[in-house]
Protein backbone atom coordinates (compact mmCIF):
# COMPACT_ATOMS: atom_id res chain seq x y z
CA UNK A 1 173.52 92.62 -0.35
CA UNK A 2 173.55 96.39 -0.19
CA UNK A 3 175.14 97.41 2.84
CA UNK A 4 173.40 100.68 3.10
CA UNK A 5 170.14 99.10 2.87
CA UNK A 6 169.62 98.45 6.73
CA UNK A 7 170.86 102.07 7.56
CA UNK A 8 167.46 104.09 6.90
CA UNK A 9 166.00 101.54 9.29
CA UNK A 10 167.77 103.01 12.06
CA UNK A 11 165.64 106.26 11.49
CA UNK A 12 162.54 104.59 12.34
CA UNK A 13 163.13 104.53 16.30
CA UNK A 14 160.27 106.19 17.71
CA UNK A 15 159.33 107.26 21.23
CA UNK A 16 158.28 103.82 22.00
CA UNK A 17 161.62 102.01 21.70
CA UNK A 18 165.33 103.01 23.10
CA UNK A 19 167.19 104.39 19.73
CA UNK A 20 170.21 102.81 21.04
CA UNK A 21 168.90 99.45 21.75
CA UNK A 22 167.20 99.51 18.37
CA UNK A 23 170.22 99.94 16.71
CA UNK A 24 172.38 97.52 18.68
CA UNK A 25 169.68 95.05 17.49
CA UNK A 26 169.90 95.88 13.95
CA UNK A 27 173.56 96.27 13.87
CA UNK A 28 173.94 92.80 15.38
CA UNK A 29 171.49 91.37 12.96
CA UNK A 30 173.11 92.98 10.22
CA UNK A 31 176.67 91.61 11.34
CA UNK A 32 175.08 88.08 11.77
CA UNK A 33 173.87 88.28 8.20
CA UNK A 34 177.34 89.55 6.79
CA UNK A 35 178.83 86.53 8.73
CA UNK A 36 176.48 84.09 7.45
CA UNK A 37 176.67 85.27 3.74
CA UNK A 38 180.74 85.03 4.26
CA UNK A 39 180.15 81.29 5.74
CA UNK A 40 177.75 80.57 2.62
CA UNK A 41 180.63 81.92 0.01
CA UNK A 42 183.45 79.94 1.85
CA UNK A 43 181.21 76.82 1.52
CA UNK A 44 180.68 77.43 -2.25
CA UNK A 45 184.63 77.86 -2.61
CA UNK A 46 185.41 74.76 -0.71
CA UNK A 47 182.75 72.75 -2.44
CA UNK A 48 183.97 74.17 -6.00
CA UNK A 49 187.42 72.81 -4.77
CA UNK A 50 186.27 69.46 -4.08
CA UNK A 51 184.46 69.31 -7.31
CA UNK A 52 187.53 70.37 -9.01
CA UNK A 53 189.94 67.58 -7.10
CA UNK A 54 187.14 64.94 -7.97
CA UNK A 55 187.26 65.98 -11.59
CA UNK A 56 190.99 65.73 -11.63
CA UNK A 57 190.88 62.57 -10.13
CA UNK A 58 188.53 61.08 -12.49
CA UNK A 59 190.33 62.67 -15.51
CA UNK A 60 193.59 61.20 -14.52
CA UNK A 61 192.15 57.63 -13.88
CA UNK A 62 190.34 57.85 -17.48
CA UNK A 63 193.92 58.99 -18.99
CA UNK A 64 195.76 56.08 -16.94
CA UNK A 65 192.86 53.70 -18.45
CA UNK A 66 193.50 54.86 -21.94
CA UNK A 67 197.28 54.83 -21.61
CA UNK A 68 196.79 50.97 -20.38
CA UNK A 69 194.52 49.91 -23.16
CA UNK A 70 196.93 51.29 -25.64
CA UNK A 71 199.87 49.29 -24.29
CA UNK A 72 197.50 46.41 -24.45
CA UNK A 73 196.70 47.01 -27.82
CA UNK A 74 200.38 47.44 -28.62
CA UNK A 75 201.56 44.37 -26.98
CA UNK A 76 198.68 42.34 -28.88
CA UNK A 77 199.87 43.79 -32.24
CA UNK A 78 203.55 42.49 -31.39
CA UNK A 79 202.09 38.95 -30.60
CA UNK A 80 200.83 38.94 -34.24
C-alpha cells in the first residue's frame, strides 16, 4: 500500500464539510487499514510458522519410521 496515496484526498474537502473532521475521518480510516494490514502480515507469519512446525514433525516421524525399518531389516538378516 502506498502511504502517500491517501494524502491527496485531504485536499478535496470543500466548504460543505469541515476539513478537520474530514481529515480526522480519513486518518482514522488510514490508521485502521494499516492496523489491518499489520494483523494480516502477523497472521501470515504465524500460519507459516505453524506449517513449518508441522512439516518438521512429519519429517521427523518419517525419519524415525525409516530408521525403525532399517533396524527391523537388519534384525531379519541376523536371523537368516
